[in-house]
Amino acid sequence: MFLFIAITLSSAVIAQADEDLQPYVVRVRGIFVMPTESFDSRLVGPGKPNPTVSNNFIPELDLEYYFTKYISSELIASVTHHTISLNGNIQGSTYLLPPSITIKYHPIPSAKISPYVGTGVELTFPFNYHLNGVPDFKVDQSFGWAAQVGADIKLKDNIYFNVDYKFLDVDTQVQIAGVKYKADLNPHLFSLGVGYRF
């Protein structure tokens, strides 16, 4: 969050250089979160717990700042809840707070349908996690990269419809009975939303 504010303030002069530039966007989205989880081989296979993580649909708020017509930065914040199943039976759950910040390139910013691509970083904070029968169960924080592609579609004046896809590199670990195991969640985020630019 502090990085986003610092970049925004330091780039105000660039934005002012273009009289037509409306640098701020506030957007709300609905996101389908689809983890593509991969767990430590010690947890997967015949006679093992074979953990899986559920999908979820969540609301999300994001802020975007345009440095120029072609370059912007986007900060997203949301909380998602996922159940944890062992051999197909729900045995626990975790909440994840994965704020991410990306730098986006808009090749045709004045078009009615304006596509973009972006890349950046994400930091995932797990909380309120539990696994039945495992009192010391824990999910570690993770830091990784993020990538996105999408498009803004102008509806009228300052209102835009948004279609967006992101991939978050969430490589973490879980603790079970005092032992750490690799747990790569790596979610795909498919979203639709509406934004206001000013």
Protein backbone atom coordinates (compact mmCIF):
# COMPACT_ATOMS: atom_id res chain seq x y z
CA MET A 1 0.00 0.00 0.00
CA PHE A 2 2.81 2.40 0.92
CA LEU A 3 4.60 1.55 -2.33
CA PHE A 4 1.47 2.36 -4.32
CA ILE A 5 1.08 5.76 -2.57
CA ALA A 6 4.74 6.62 -3.06
CA ILE A 7 4.65 5.79 -6.77
CA THR A 8 1.44 7.79 -7.19
CA LEU A 9 2.82 10.92 -5.52
CA SER A 10 6.15 10.80 -7.30
CA SER A 11 4.43 10.53 -10.67
CA ALA A 12 1.95 13.38 -10.26
CA VAL A 13 4.04 15.67 -12.46
CA ILE A 14 3.93 13.16 -15.31
CA ALA A 15 0.16 12.97 -15.12
CA GLN A 16 -0.21 16.76 -15.08
CA ALA A 17 1.82 16.98 -18.28
CA ASP A 18 -1.17 15.56 -20.18
CA GLU A 19 -4.21 17.81 -19.75
CA ASP A 20 -6.60 15.11 -20.98
CA LEU A 21 -5.35 12.44 -18.62
CA GLN A 22 -7.72 11.34 -15.86
CA PRO A 23 -5.25 9.41 -13.70
CA TYR A 24 -7.44 7.76 -11.07
CA VAL A 25 -9.64 4.67 -11.35
CA VAL A 26 -11.72 3.09 -8.60
CA ARG A 27 -13.09 -0.31 -9.55
CA VAL A 28 -15.18 -3.12 -8.06
CA ARG A 29 -15.03 -6.64 -9.43
CA GLY A 30 -16.46 -10.06 -8.85
CA ILE A 31 -13.67 -12.66 -8.98
CA PHE A 32 -13.74 -16.41 -9.47
CA VAL A 33 -10.66 -17.75 -7.65
CA MET A 34 -9.43 -21.11 -8.92
CA PRO A 35 -6.32 -22.48 -7.18
CA THR A 36 -4.16 -24.93 -9.13
CA GLU A 37 -2.68 -26.44 -6.00
CA SER A 38 0.35 -28.70 -5.88
CA PHE A 39 1.40 -30.31 -2.60
CA ASP A 40 4.52 -31.97 -1.28
CA SER A 41 4.92 -35.53 -2.61
CA ARG A 42 4.88 -36.79 0.99
CA LEU A 43 1.19 -35.79 1.12
CA VAL A 44 0.11 -37.17 -2.24
CA GLY A 45 -0.43 -40.74 -3.39
CA PRO A 46 -2.00 -44.04 -2.28
CA GLY A 47 -2.55 -44.19 1.45
CA LYS A 48 -1.77 -40.47 1.88
CA PRO A 49 -4.09 -37.52 2.69
CA ASN A 50 -4.12 -36.07 -0.87
CA PRO A 51 -5.10 -32.48 0.09
CA THR A 52 -7.08 -30.24 -2.25
CA VAL A 53 -8.24 -26.62 -1.97
CA SER A 54 -11.66 -25.35 -3.04
CA ASN A 55 -12.51 -22.61 -5.54
CA ASN A 56 -14.34 -19.47 -4.42
CA PHE A 57 -16.19 -16.41 -5.75
CA ILE A 58 -15.43 -13.10 -4.01
CA PRO A 59 -15.91 -9.31 -4.33
CA GLU A 60 -12.80 -7.19 -4.83
CA LEU A 61 -11.87 -3.50 -4.70
CA ASP A 62 -8.95 -2.08 -6.66
CA LEU A 63 -7.30 1.28 -7.24
CA GLU A 64 -5.48 2.26 -10.41
CA TYR A 65 -3.25 5.22 -11.20
CA TYR A 66 -2.19 6.27 -14.72
CA PHE A 67 1.33 7.68 -15.02
CA THR A 68 0.72 8.29 -18.74
CA LYS A 69 -2.00 7.23 -21.16
CA TYR A 70 -0.07 4.02 -21.75
CA ILE A 71 1.29 3.08 -18.33
CA SER A 72 -0.62 2.56 -15.08
CA SER A 73 -0.28 0.81 -11.75
CA GLU A 74 -3.03 -1.27 -10.13
CA LEU A 75 -3.40 -2.27 -6.48
CA ILE A 76 -5.96 -4.93 -5.58
CA ALA A 77 -7.18 -6.05 -2.17
CA SER A 78 -9.59 -8.83 -1.29
CA VAL A 79 -10.07 -11.71 1.12
CA THR A 80 -10.86 -15.22 -0.03
CA HIS A 81 -11.91 -18.32 1.93
CA HIS A 82 -11.00 -21.86 0.86
CA THR A 83 -11.91 -25.22 2.33
CA ILE A 84 -9.23 -27.90 2.62
CA SER A 85 -10.20 -31.47 1.78
CA LEU A 86 -8.30 -34.66 2.54
CA ASN A 87 -9.13 -37.58 0.24
CA GLY A 88 -12.25 -35.69 -0.88
CA ASN A 89 -13.61 -34.91 2.60
CA ILE A 90 -13.60 -31.35 3.97
CA GLN A 91 -11.33 -31.27 7.02
CA GLY A 92 -10.38 -27.62 7.38
CA SER A 93 -10.13 -24.20 5.79
CA THR A 94 -8.08 -21.04 5.51
CA TYR A 95 -8.60 -17.39 4.70
CA LEU A 96 -6.14 -15.66 2.36
CA LEU A 97 -5.42 -11.94 1.98
CA PRO A 98 -3.37 -11.61 -1.24
CA PRO A 99 -2.74 -7.91 -2.02
CA SER A 100 -0.92 -7.43 -5.31
CA ILE A 101 0.44 -4.50 -7.27
CA THR A 102 1.05 -4.57 -11.02
CA ILE A 103 2.37 -2.24 -13.69
CA LYS A 104 0.10 -2.29 -16.75
CA TYR A 105 0.67 -1.35 -20.40
CA HIS A 106 -2.29 -0.07 -22.46
CA PRO A 107 -1.32 -0.13 -26.19
CA ILE A 108 -4.47 1.64 -27.49
CA PRO A 109 -5.70 3.73 -24.54
CA SER A 110 -8.16 5.85 -26.52
CA ALA A 111 -10.05 2.92 -28.05
CA LYS A 112 -13.54 2.03 -26.86
CA ILE A 113 -12.18 -1.43 -26.04
CA SER A 114 -8.74 -0.86 -24.52
CA PRO A 115 -6.72 -4.03 -23.81
CA TYR A 116 -3.80 -4.22 -21.41
CA VAL A 117 -1.14 -6.54 -20.02
CA GLY A 118 0.57 -6.27 -16.67
CA THR A 119 3.06 -7.81 -14.30
CA GLY A 120 4.00 -7.24 -10.68
CA VAL A 121 4.23 -8.82 -7.25
CA GLU A 122 1.89 -10.34 -4.67
CA LEU A 123 2.13 -10.99 -0.94
CA THR A 124 -0.27 -13.56 0.55
CA PHE A 125 -1.25 -13.45 4.23
CA PRO A 126 -3.09 -16.59 5.44
CA PHE A 127 -5.19 -16.29 8.61
CA ASN A 128 -7.90 -18.16 10.57
CA TYR A 129 -6.62 -21.49 9.25
CA HIS A 130 -7.47 -24.82 10.83
CA LEU A 131 -7.30 -28.54 10.07
CA ASN A 132 -9.34 -31.03 12.08
CA GLY A 133 -7.26 -33.02 14.54
CA VAL A 134 -4.08 -30.97 13.88
CA PRO A 135 -3.73 -28.33 16.62
CA ASP A 136 -0.46 -26.88 15.26
CA PHE A 137 -1.66 -26.58 11.64
CA LYS A 138 -0.27 -23.45 9.99
CA VAL A 139 -0.12 -21.87 6.52
CA ASP A 140 2.92 -19.66 5.88
CA GLN A 141 2.95 -16.27 4.18
CA SER A 142 4.26 -16.13 0.63
CA PHE A 143 5.80 -13.60 -1.73
CA GLY A 144 5.71 -14.11 -5.48
CA TRP A 145 5.03 -12.65 -8.90
CA ALA A 146 1.74 -11.72 -10.56
CA ALA A 147 0.69 -11.42 -14.20
CA GLN A 148 -2.50 -10.14 -15.78
CA VAL A 149 -4.27 -9.45 -19.06
CA GLY A 150 -7.59 -7.75 -19.64
CA ALA A 151 -9.55 -4.94 -21.23
CA ASP A 152 -11.47 -1.81 -20.25
CA ILE A 153 -14.64 -1.17 -22.25
CA LYS A 154 -15.98 2.38 -22.17
CA LEU A 155 -19.70 2.48 -21.43
CA LYS A 156 -20.22 6.24 -21.10
CA ASP A 157 -18.35 9.28 -19.85
CA ASN A 158 -16.14 8.03 -16.99
CA ILE A 159 -17.71 4.56 -16.58
CA TYR A 160 -15.86 1.47 -17.78
CA PHE A 161 -16.69 -2.23 -17.85
CA ASN A 162 -13.68 -4.39 -17.06
CA VAL A 163 -12.69 -7.95 -17.95
CA ASP A 164 -9.55 -9.23 -16.24
CA TYR A 165 -7.47 -12.37 -15.74
CA LYS A 166 -4.63 -12.71 -13.24
CA PHE A 167 -2.24 -15.44 -12.19
CA LEU A 168 -0.65 -15.25 -8.73
CA ASP A 169 2.47 -17.21 -7.89
CA VAL A 170 1.57 -18.34 -4.35
CA ASP A 171 4.25 -20.82 -3.27
CA THR A 172 3.91 -21.44 0.44
CA GLN A 173 4.27 -24.14 3.09
CA VAL A 174 1.92 -25.79 5.55
CA GLN A 175 2.84 -27.14 8.97
CA ILE A 176 1.31 -30.43 10.10
CA ALA A 177 2.34 -32.06 13.37
CA GLY A 178 5.52 -30.00 13.48
CA VAL A 179 6.60 -30.84 9.92
CA LYS A 180 6.72 -28.35 7.02
CA TYR A 181 5.35 -29.38 3.62
CA LYS A 182 5.42 -27.56 0.26
CA ALA A 183 2.04 -26.16 -0.76
CA ASP A 184 1.85 -24.24 -4.04
CA LEU A 185 -1.63 -22.70 -4.43
CA ASN A 186 -1.01 -20.63 -7.61
CA PRO A 187 -4.56 -19.33 -8.18
CA HIS A 188 -6.11 -18.19 -11.45
CA LEU A 189 -8.34 -15.12 -10.97
CA PHE A 190 -11.13 -14.53 -13.53
CA SER A 191 -13.04 -11.28 -12.98
CA LEU A 192 -15.66 -8.88 -14.29
CA GLY A 193 -16.23 -5.42 -12.90
CA VAL A 194 -17.11 -1.76 -13.29
CA GLY A 195 -14.78 1.18 -12.78
CA TYR A 196 -15.03 4.94 -12.47
CA ARG A 197 -12.20 7.06 -13.88
CA PHE A 198 -11.54 10.65 -12.83
